[in-house]
Amino acid sequence: MVKVFKLPRMGATMKEGTVEKYLVKEGDTVSEGDALYEVSTDKITNQAESDMDGVVRKLLVEEGTKIACQTPVLIVAEDENEDISAYL
């Protein structure tokens, strides 16, 4: 299974946020509940967490980039050999 993690909407009025810092790198193994990256808005800074076990396959956004909510940020797959080309 492959999952594309998108910038979450952390409030009713949130339209965009900044990917401040990745807490993982490509190739890292993650577990459900692990923090993946920090996202900031004009009001808060929070961590986005994984909801699955797997391997970080691709970071899609550079740190410090402001993006719209629901923009893809990173890809996690169940293993390092799983084909993710359809998600790029």
PDB file of N, CA and C in Angstrom:
ATOM      1  N   MET A   1       0.840  -1.178   0.000  1.00  0.00           N
ATOM      2  CA  MET A   1       0.000   0.000   0.000  1.00  0.00           C
ATOM      3  C   MET A   1       0.886   1.242   0.000  1.00  0.00           C
ATOM      4  N   VAL A   2       0.502   2.221  -0.787  1.00  0.00           N
ATOM      5  CA  VAL A   2       1.204   3.497  -0.879  1.00  0.00           C
ATOM      6  C   VAL A   2       0.252   4.575  -0.398  1.00  0.00           C
ATOM      7  N   LYS A   3       0.771   5.518   0.387  1.00  0.00           N
ATOM      8  CA  LYS A   3      -0.057   6.630   0.849  1.00  0.00           C
ATOM      9  C   LYS A   3       0.666   7.937   0.601  1.00  0.00           C
ATOM     10  N   VAL A   4      -0.055   8.878   0.021  1.00  0.00           N
ATOM     11  CA  VAL A   4       0.455  10.232  -0.166  1.00  0.00           C
ATOM     12  C   VAL A   4      -0.074  11.069   0.986  1.00  0.00           C
ATOM     13  N   PHE A   5       0.832  11.583   1.807  1.00  0.00           N
ATOM     14  CA  PHE A   5       0.435  12.450   2.917  1.00  0.00           C
ATOM     15  C   PHE A   5       0.330  13.875   2.400  1.00  0.00           C
ATOM     16  N   LYS A   6      -0.802  14.498   2.672  1.00  0.00           N
ATOM     17  CA  LYS A   6      -1.078  15.850   2.199  1.00  0.00           C
ATOM     18  C   LYS A   6      -1.062  16.823   3.367  1.00  0.00           C
ATOM     19  N   LEU A   7      -0.866  18.099   3.058  1.00  0.00           N
ATOM     20  CA  LEU A   7      -0.883  19.126   4.098  1.00  0.00           C
ATOM     21  C   LEU A   7      -2.275  19.148   4.727  1.00  0.00           C
ATOM     22  N   PRO A   8      -2.355  18.863   6.033  1.00  0.00           N
ATOM     23  CA  PRO A   8      -3.677  18.794   6.671  1.00  0.00           C
ATOM     24  C   PRO A   8      -4.276  20.171   6.918  1.00  0.00           C
ATOM     25  N   ARG A   9      -5.578  20.222   6.957  1.00  0.00           N
ATOM     26  CA  ARG A   9      -6.293  21.436   7.347  1.00  0.00           C
ATOM     27  C   ARG A   9      -6.418  21.368   8.866  1.00  0.00           C
ATOM     28  N   MET A  10      -5.758  22.304   9.560  1.00  0.00           N
ATOM     29  CA  MET A  10      -5.709  22.264  11.020  1.00  0.00           C
ATOM     30  C   MET A  10      -6.658  23.256  11.667  1.00  0.00           C
ATOM     31  N   GLY A  11      -7.578  23.777  10.902  1.00  0.00           N
ATOM     32  CA  GLY A  11      -8.576  24.703  11.419  1.00  0.00           C
ATOM     33  C   GLY A  11      -9.562  25.018  10.316  1.00  0.00           C
ATOM     34  N   ALA A  12     -10.727  25.470  10.699  1.00  0.00           N
ATOM     35  CA  ALA A  12     -11.800  25.712   9.734  1.00  0.00           C
ATOM     36  C   ALA A  12     -11.434  26.761   8.689  1.00  0.00           C
ATOM     37  N   THR A  13     -10.600  27.718   9.053  1.00  0.00           N
ATOM     38  CA  THR A  13     -10.266  28.798   8.119  1.00  0.00           C
ATOM     39  C   THR A  13      -8.900  28.625   7.457  1.00  0.00           C
ATOM     40  N   MET A  14      -8.192  27.563   7.793  1.00  0.00           N
ATOM     41  CA  MET A  14      -6.853  27.359   7.232  1.00  0.00           C
ATOM     42  C   MET A  14      -6.932  27.052   5.743  1.00  0.00           C
ATOM     43  N   LYS A  15      -6.168  27.815   4.955  1.00  0.00           N
ATOM     44  CA  LYS A  15      -6.124  27.610   3.512  1.00  0.00           C
ATOM     45  C   LYS A  15      -4.742  27.167   3.038  1.00  0.00           C
ATOM     46  N   GLU A  16      -3.699  27.528   3.818  1.00  0.00           N
ATOM     47  CA  GLU A  16      -2.339  27.169   3.446  1.00  0.00           C
ATOM     48  C   GLU A  16      -1.466  27.069   4.687  1.00  0.00           C
ATOM     49  N   GLY A  17      -0.314  26.467   4.512  1.00  0.00           N
ATOM     50  CA  GLY A  17       0.644  26.337   5.601  1.00  0.00           C
ATOM     51  C   GLY A  17       2.041  26.185   5.023  1.00  0.00           C
ATOM     52  N   THR A  18       3.029  26.221   5.900  1.00  0.00           N
ATOM     53  CA  THR A  18       4.418  26.093   5.479  1.00  0.00           C
ATOM     54  C   THR A  18       5.006  24.807   6.046  1.00  0.00           C
ATOM     55  N   VAL A  19       5.615  24.015   5.178  1.00  0.00           N
ATOM     56  CA  VAL A  19       6.345  22.832   5.625  1.00  0.00           C
ATOM     57  C   VAL A  19       7.671  23.360   6.176  1.00  0.00           C
ATOM     58  N   GLU A  20       7.726  23.482   7.501  1.00  0.00           N
ATOM     59  CA  GLU A  20       8.891  24.098   8.139  1.00  0.00           C
ATOM     60  C   GLU A  20      10.098  23.174   8.155  1.00  0.00           C
ATOM     61  N   LYS A  21       9.879  21.917   8.547  1.00  0.00           N
ATOM     62  CA  LYS A  21      11.005  21.017   8.759  1.00  0.00           C
ATOM     63  C   LYS A  21      10.524  19.573   8.673  1.00  0.00           C
ATOM     64  N   TYR A  22      11.262  18.756   7.918  1.00  0.00           N
ATOM     65  CA  TYR A  22      10.983  17.325   7.907  1.00  0.00           C
ATOM     66  C   TYR A  22      11.622  16.697   9.139  1.00  0.00           C
ATOM     67  N   LEU A  23      10.918  15.772   9.751  1.00  0.00           N
ATOM     68  CA  LEU A  23      11.425  15.031  10.903  1.00  0.00           C
ATOM     69  C   LEU A  23      11.857  13.629  10.503  1.00  0.00           C
ATOM     70  N   VAL A  24      11.740  13.330   9.203  1.00  0.00           N
ATOM     71  CA  VAL A  24      12.157  12.064   8.613  1.00  0.00           C
ATOM     72  C   VAL A  24      12.906  12.373   7.323  1.00  0.00           C
ATOM     73  N   LYS A  25      13.605  11.368   6.807  1.00  0.00           N
ATOM     74  CA  LYS A  25      14.248  11.516   5.502  1.00  0.00           C
ATOM     75  C   LYS A  25      13.869  10.315   4.634  1.00  0.00           C
ATOM     76  N   GLU A  26      14.093  10.429   3.340  1.00  0.00           N
ATOM     77  CA  GLU A  26      13.779   9.331   2.438  1.00  0.00           C
ATOM     78  C   GLU A  26      14.542   8.089   2.880  1.00  0.00           C
ATOM     79  N   GLY A  27      13.836   6.964   2.936  1.00  0.00           N
ATOM     80  CA  GLY A  27      14.424   5.702   3.362  1.00  0.00           C
ATOM     81  C   GLY A  27      14.174   5.361   4.820  1.00  0.00           C
ATOM     82  N   ASP A  28      13.720   6.338   5.610  1.00  0.00           N
ATOM     83  CA  ASP A  28      13.430   6.087   7.029  1.00  0.00           C
ATOM     84  C   ASP A  28      12.211   5.180   7.172  1.00  0.00           C
ATOM     85  N   THR A  29      12.269   4.309   8.164  1.00  0.00           N
ATOM     86  CA  THR A  29      11.124   3.489   8.535  1.00  0.00           C
ATOM     87  C   THR A  29      10.305   4.277   9.555  1.00  0.00           C
ATOM     88  N   VAL A  30       8.990   4.326   9.350  1.00  0.00           N
ATOM     89  CA  VAL A  30       8.101   5.029  10.270  1.00  0.00           C
ATOM     90  C   VAL A  30       7.011   4.092  10.765  1.00  0.00           C
ATOM     91  N   SER A  31       6.490   4.406  11.925  1.00  0.00           N
ATOM     92  CA  SER A  31       5.384   3.665  12.515  1.00  0.00           C
ATOM     93  C   SER A  31       4.195   4.594  12.685  1.00  0.00           C
ATOM     94  N   GLU A  32       3.028   4.004  12.796  1.00  0.00           N
ATOM     95  CA  GLU A  32       1.826   4.790  13.039  1.00  0.00           C
ATOM     96  C   GLU A  32       2.040   5.661  14.274  1.00  0.00           C
ATOM     97  N   GLY A  33       1.744   6.947  14.153  1.00  0.00           N
ATOM     98  CA  GLY A  33       1.906   7.890  15.256  1.00  0.00           C
ATOM     99  C   GLY A  33       3.214   8.665  15.233  1.00  0.00           C
ATOM    100  N   ASP A  34       4.176   8.241  14.401  1.00  0.00           N
ATOM    101  CA  ASP A  34       5.437   8.979  14.295  1.00  0.00           C
ATOM    102  C   ASP A  34       5.215  10.328  13.626  1.00  0.00           C
ATOM    103  N   ALA A  35       5.894  11.356  14.117  1.00  0.00           N
ATOM    104  CA  ALA A  35       5.838  12.680  13.499  1.00  0.00           C
ATOM    105  C   ALA A  35       6.639  12.655  12.202  1.00  0.00           C
ATOM    106  N   LEU A  36       6.063  13.198  11.129  1.00  0.00           N
ATOM    107  CA  LEU A  36       6.700  13.219   9.812  1.00  0.00           C
ATOM    108  C   LEU A  36       7.326  14.567   9.489  1.00  0.00           C
ATOM    109  N   TYR A  37       6.592  15.648   9.782  1.00  0.00           N
ATOM    110  CA  TYR A  37       7.088  16.987   9.478  1.00  0.00           C
ATOM    111  C   TYR A  37       6.361  18.015  10.326  1.00  0.00           C
ATOM    112  N   GLU A  38       6.956  19.202  10.410  1.00  0.00           N
ATOM    113  CA  GLU A  38       6.331  20.321  11.111  1.00  0.00           C
ATOM    114  C   GLU A  38       5.691  21.243  10.093  1.00  0.00           C
ATOM    115  N   VAL A  39       4.478  21.664  10.384  1.00  0.00           N
ATOM    116  CA  VAL A  39       3.760  22.597   9.526  1.00  0.00           C
ATOM    117  C   VAL A  39       3.355  23.803  10.361  1.00  0.00           C
ATOM    118  N   SER A  40       3.511  24.988   9.791  1.00  0.00           N
ATOM    119  CA  SER A  40       3.122  26.196  10.521  1.00  0.00           C
ATOM    120  C   SER A  40       2.101  26.991   9.719  1.00  0.00           C
ATOM    121  N   THR A  41       1.277  27.704  10.470  1.00  0.00           N
ATOM    122  CA  THR A  41       0.308  28.631   9.893  1.00  0.00           C
ATOM    123  C   THR A  41       0.567  29.983  10.541  1.00  0.00           C
ATOM    124  N   ASP A  42      -0.286  30.930  10.267  1.00  0.00           N
ATOM    125  CA  ASP A  42      -0.122  32.240  10.904  1.00  0.00           C
ATOM    126  C   ASP A  42      -0.443  32.182  12.394  1.00  0.00           C
ATOM    127  N   LYS A  43      -1.029  31.065  12.864  1.00  0.00           N
ATOM    128  CA  LYS A  43      -1.445  30.956  14.259  1.00  0.00           C
ATOM    129  C   LYS A  43      -0.680  29.903  15.057  1.00  0.00           C
ATOM    130  N   ILE A  44      -0.328  28.765  14.437  1.00  0.00           N
ATOM    131  CA  ILE A  44       0.276  27.663  15.194  1.00  0.00           C
ATOM    132  C   ILE A  44       1.361  26.954  14.386  1.00  0.00           C
ATOM    133  N   THR A  45       2.155  26.176  15.091  1.00  0.00           N
ATOM    134  CA  THR A  45       3.061  25.205  14.472  1.00  0.00           C
ATOM    135  C   THR A  45       2.696  23.855  15.075  1.00  0.00           C
ATOM    136  N   ASN A  46       2.549  22.859  14.212  1.00  0.00           N
ATOM    137  CA  ASN A  46       2.127  21.544  14.660  1.00  0.00           C
ATOM    138  C   ASN A  46       2.887  20.485  13.874  1.00  0.00           C
ATOM    139  N   GLN A  47       2.822  19.243  14.332  1.00  0.00           N
ATOM    140  CA  GLN A  47       3.452  18.133  13.641  1.00  0.00           C
ATOM    141  C   GLN A  47       2.399  17.275  12.958  1.00  0.00           C
ATOM    142  N   ALA A  48       2.700  16.869  11.735  1.00  0.00           N
ATOM    143  CA  ALA A  48       1.840  15.930  11.016  1.00  0.00           C
ATOM    144  C   ALA A  48       2.371  14.526  11.292  1.00  0.00           C
ATOM    145  N   GLU A  49       1.472  13.604  11.624  1.00  0.00           N
ATOM    146  CA  GLU A  49       1.860  12.249  12.021  1.00  0.00           C
ATOM    147  C   GLU A  49       1.445  11.223  10.986  1.00  0.00           C
ATOM    148  N   SER A  50       2.192  10.128  10.975  1.00  0.00           N
ATOM    149  CA  SER A  50       1.876   9.003  10.103  1.00  0.00           C
ATOM    150  C   SER A  50       0.696   8.225  10.686  1.00  0.00           C
ATOM    151  N   ASP A  51      -0.158   7.724   9.813  1.00  0.00           N
ATOM    152  CA  ASP A  51      -1.242   6.855  10.269  1.00  0.00           C
ATOM    153  C   ASP A  51      -1.044   5.429   9.745  1.00  0.00           C
ATOM    154  N   MET A  52       0.224   5.118   9.406  1.00  0.00           N
ATOM    155  CA  MET A  52       0.541   3.773   8.933  1.00  0.00           C
ATOM    156  C   MET A  52       2.006   3.454   9.213  1.00  0.00           C
ATOM    157  N   ASP A  53       2.339   2.177   9.182  1.00  0.00           N
ATOM    158  CA  ASP A  53       3.724   1.732   9.248  1.00  0.00           C
ATOM    159  C   ASP A  53       4.256   1.642   7.821  1.00  0.00           C
ATOM    160  N   GLY A  54       5.510   2.031   7.623  1.00  0.00           N
ATOM    161  CA  GLY A  54       6.079   1.919   6.287  1.00  0.00           C
ATOM    162  C   GLY A  54       7.429   2.586   6.174  1.00  0.00           C
ATOM    163  N   VAL A  55       7.791   2.894   4.932  1.00  0.00           N
ATOM    164  CA  VAL A  55       9.071   3.510   4.611  1.00  0.00           C
ATOM    165  C   VAL A  55       8.808   4.812   3.869  1.00  0.00           C
ATOM    166  N   VAL A  56       9.492   5.881   4.288  1.00  0.00           N
ATOM    167  CA  VAL A  56       9.374   7.165   3.593  1.00  0.00           C
ATOM    168  C   VAL A  56      10.071   7.006   2.247  1.00  0.00           C
ATOM    169  N   ARG A  57       9.303   7.167   1.175  1.00  0.00           N
ATOM    170  CA  ARG A  57       9.853   6.945  -0.160  1.00  0.00           C
ATOM    171  C   ARG A  57      10.218   8.231  -0.872  1.00  0.00           C
ATOM    172  N   LYS A  58       9.442   9.311  -0.667  1.00  0.00           N
ATOM    173  CA  LYS A  58       9.724  10.536  -1.412  1.00  0.00           C
ATOM    174  C   LYS A  58       9.225  11.746  -0.645  1.00  0.00           C
ATOM    175  N   LEU A  59      10.094  12.750  -0.498  1.00  0.00           N
ATOM    176  CA  LEU A  59       9.705  14.054   0.037  1.00  0.00           C
ATOM    177  C   LEU A  59       9.374  14.929  -1.164  1.00  0.00           C
ATOM    178  N   LEU A  60       8.179  15.495  -1.196  1.00  0.00           N
ATOM    179  CA  LEU A  60       7.689  16.186  -2.391  1.00  0.00           C
ATOM    180  C   LEU A  60       7.794  17.703  -2.334  1.00  0.00           C
ATOM    181  N   VAL A  61       7.976  18.270  -1.149  1.00  0.00           N
ATOM    182  CA  VAL A  61       7.983  19.723  -0.966  1.00  0.00           C
ATOM    183  C   VAL A  61       9.265  20.110  -0.240  1.00  0.00           C
ATOM    184  N   GLU A  62       9.904  21.170  -0.680  1.00  0.00           N
ATOM    185  CA  GLU A  62      11.104  21.643   0.005  1.00  0.00           C
ATOM    186  C   GLU A  62      10.731  22.292   1.331  1.00  0.00           C
ATOM    187  N   GLU A  63      11.595  22.115   2.329  1.00  0.00           N
ATOM    188  CA  GLU A  63      11.390  22.783   3.614  1.00  0.00           C
ATOM    189  C   GLU A  63      11.302  24.285   3.389  1.00  0.00           C
ATOM    190  N   GLY A  64      10.419  24.924   4.158  1.00  0.00           N
ATOM    191  CA  GLY A  64      10.241  26.365   4.059  1.00  0.00           C
ATOM    192  C   GLY A  64       9.253  26.811   2.999  1.00  0.00           C
ATOM    193  N   THR A  65       8.642  25.862   2.301  1.00  0.00           N
ATOM    194  CA  THR A  65       7.708  26.180   1.226  1.00  0.00           C
ATOM    195  C   THR A  65       6.289  26.307   1.756  1.00  0.00           C
ATOM    196  N   LYS A  66       5.619  27.395   1.374  1.00  0.00           N
ATOM    197  CA  LYS A  66       4.209  27.598   1.721  1.00  0.00           C
ATOM    198  C   LYS A  66       3.363  26.954   0.625  1.00  0.00           C
ATOM    199  N   ILE A  67       2.405  26.098   1.048  1.00  0.00           N
ATOM    200  CA  ILE A  67       1.560  25.380   0.096  1.00  0.00           C
ATOM    201  C   ILE A  67       0.107  25.398   0.559  1.00  0.00           C
ATOM    202  N   ALA A  68      -0.793  25.120  -0.365  1.00  0.00           N
ATOM    203  CA  ALA A  68      -2.222  25.051  -0.053  1.00  0.00           C
ATOM    204  C   ALA A  68      -2.529  23.756   0.694  1.00  0.00           C
ATOM    205  N   CYS A  69      -3.554  23.792   1.521  1.00  0.00           N
ATOM    206  CA  CYS A  69      -4.024  22.584   2.203  1.00  0.00           C
ATOM    207  C   CYS A  69      -4.351  21.516   1.164  1.00  0.00           C
ATOM    208  N   GLN A  70      -4.095  20.281   1.518  1.00  0.00           N
ATOM    209  CA  GLN A  70      -4.332  19.098   0.696  1.00  0.00           C
ATOM    210  C   GLN A  70      -3.321  18.938  -0.443  1.00  0.00           C
ATOM    211  N   THR A  71      -2.236  19.741  -0.439  1.00  0.00           N
ATOM    212  CA  THR A  71      -1.149  19.541  -1.392  1.00  0.00           C
ATOM    213  C   THR A  71      -0.304  18.354  -0.914  1.00  0.00           C
ATOM    214  N   PRO A  72       0.070  17.429  -1.808  1.00  0.00           N
ATOM    215  CA  PRO A  72       0.918  16.313  -1.405  1.00  0.00           C
ATOM    216  C   PRO A  72       2.263  16.785  -0.848  1.00  0.00           C
ATOM    217  N   VAL A  73       2.671  16.189   0.300  1.00  0.00           N
ATOM    218  CA  VAL A  73       3.911  16.576   0.970  1.00  0.00           C
ATOM    219  C   VAL A  73       4.948  15.454   0.904  1.00  0.00           C
ATOM    220  N   LEU A  74       4.525  14.214   1.173  1.00  0.00           N
ATOM    221  CA  LEU A  74       5.466  13.092   1.116  1.00  0.00           C
ATOM    222  C   LEU A  74       4.725  11.796   0.861  1.00  0.00           C
ATOM    223  N   ILE A  75       5.499  10.782   0.456  1.00  0.00           N
ATOM    224  CA  ILE A  75       4.933   9.471   0.134  1.00  0.00           C
ATOM    225  C   ILE A  75       5.541   8.423   1.062  1.00  0.00           C
ATOM    226  N   VAL A  76       4.673   7.592   1.647  1.00  0.00           N
ATOM    227  CA  VAL A  76       5.085   6.457   2.462  1.00  0.00           C
ATOM    228  C   VAL A  76       4.520   5.200   1.801  1.00  0.00           C
ATOM    229  N   ALA A  77       5.363   4.160   1.714  1.00  0.00           N
ATOM    230  CA  ALA A  77       4.933   2.871   1.170  1.00  0.00           C
ATOM    231  C   ALA A  77       5.206   1.792   2.208  1.00  0.00           C
ATOM    232  N   GLU A  78       4.539   0.650   2.046  1.00  0.00           N
ATOM    233  CA  GLU A  78       4.725  -0.440   3.001  1.00  0.00           C
ATOM    234  C   GLU A  78       6.150  -0.959   3.009  1.00  0.00           C
ATOM    235  N   ASP A  79       6.847  -0.901   1.839  1.00  0.00           N
ATOM    236  CA  ASP A  79       8.246  -1.317   1.810  1.00  0.00           C
ATOM    237  C   ASP A  79       9.007  -0.505   0.767  1.00  0.00           C
ATOM    238  N   GLU A  80      10.339  -0.642   0.800  1.00  0.00           N
ATOM    239  CA  GLU A  80      11.179   0.196  -0.060  1.00  0.00           C
ATOM    240  C   GLU A  80      11.164  -0.220  -1.520  1.00  0.00           C
ATOM    241  N   ASN A  81      10.577  -1.361  -1.842  1.00  0.00           N
ATOM    242  CA  ASN A  81      10.540  -1.839  -3.231  1.00  0.00           C
ATOM    243  C   ASN A  81       9.204  -1.587  -3.924  1.00  0.00           C
ATOM    244  N   GLU A  82       8.235  -1.078  -3.197  1.00  0.00           N
ATOM    245  CA  GLU A  82       6.914  -0.860  -3.777  1.00  0.00           C
ATOM    246  C   GLU A  82       6.968   0.267  -4.823  1.00  0.00           C
ATOM    247  N   ASP A  83       6.316   0.045  -5.956  1.00  0.00           N
ATOM    248  CA  ASP A  83       6.307   1.018  -7.047  1.00  0.00           C
ATOM    249  C   ASP A  83       5.464   2.230  -6.670  1.00  0.00           C
ATOM    250  N   ILE A  84       6.076   3.414  -6.679  1.00  0.00           N
ATOM    251  CA  ILE A  84       5.359   4.647  -6.348  1.00  0.00           C
ATOM    252  C   ILE A  84       5.228   5.573  -7.563  1.00  0.00           C
ATOM    253  N   SER A  85       5.617   5.110  -8.741  1.00  0.00           N
ATOM    254  CA  SER A  85       5.640   5.976  -9.917  1.00  0.00           C
ATOM    255  C   SER A  85       4.285   6.587 -10.243  1.00  0.00           C
ATOM    256  N   ALA A  86       3.212   5.904  -9.953  1.00  0.00           N
ATOM    257  CA  ALA A  86       1.863   6.432 -10.231  1.00  0.00           C
ATOM    258  C   ALA A  86       1.515   7.624  -9.343  1.00  0.00           C
ATOM    259  N   TYR A  87       2.272   7.831  -8.259  1.00  0.00           N
ATOM    260  CA  TYR A  87       1.978   8.888  -7.288  1.00  0.00           C
ATOM    261  C   TYR A  87       2.882  10.109  -7.458  1.00  0.00           C
ATOM    262  N   LEU A  88       3.813  10.043  -8.383  1.00  0.00           N
ATOM    263  CA  LEU A  88       4.749  11.159  -8.576  1.00  0.00           C
ATOM    264  C   LEU A  88       4.257  12.154  -9.592  1.00  0.00           C
TER     265      LEU A  88
END
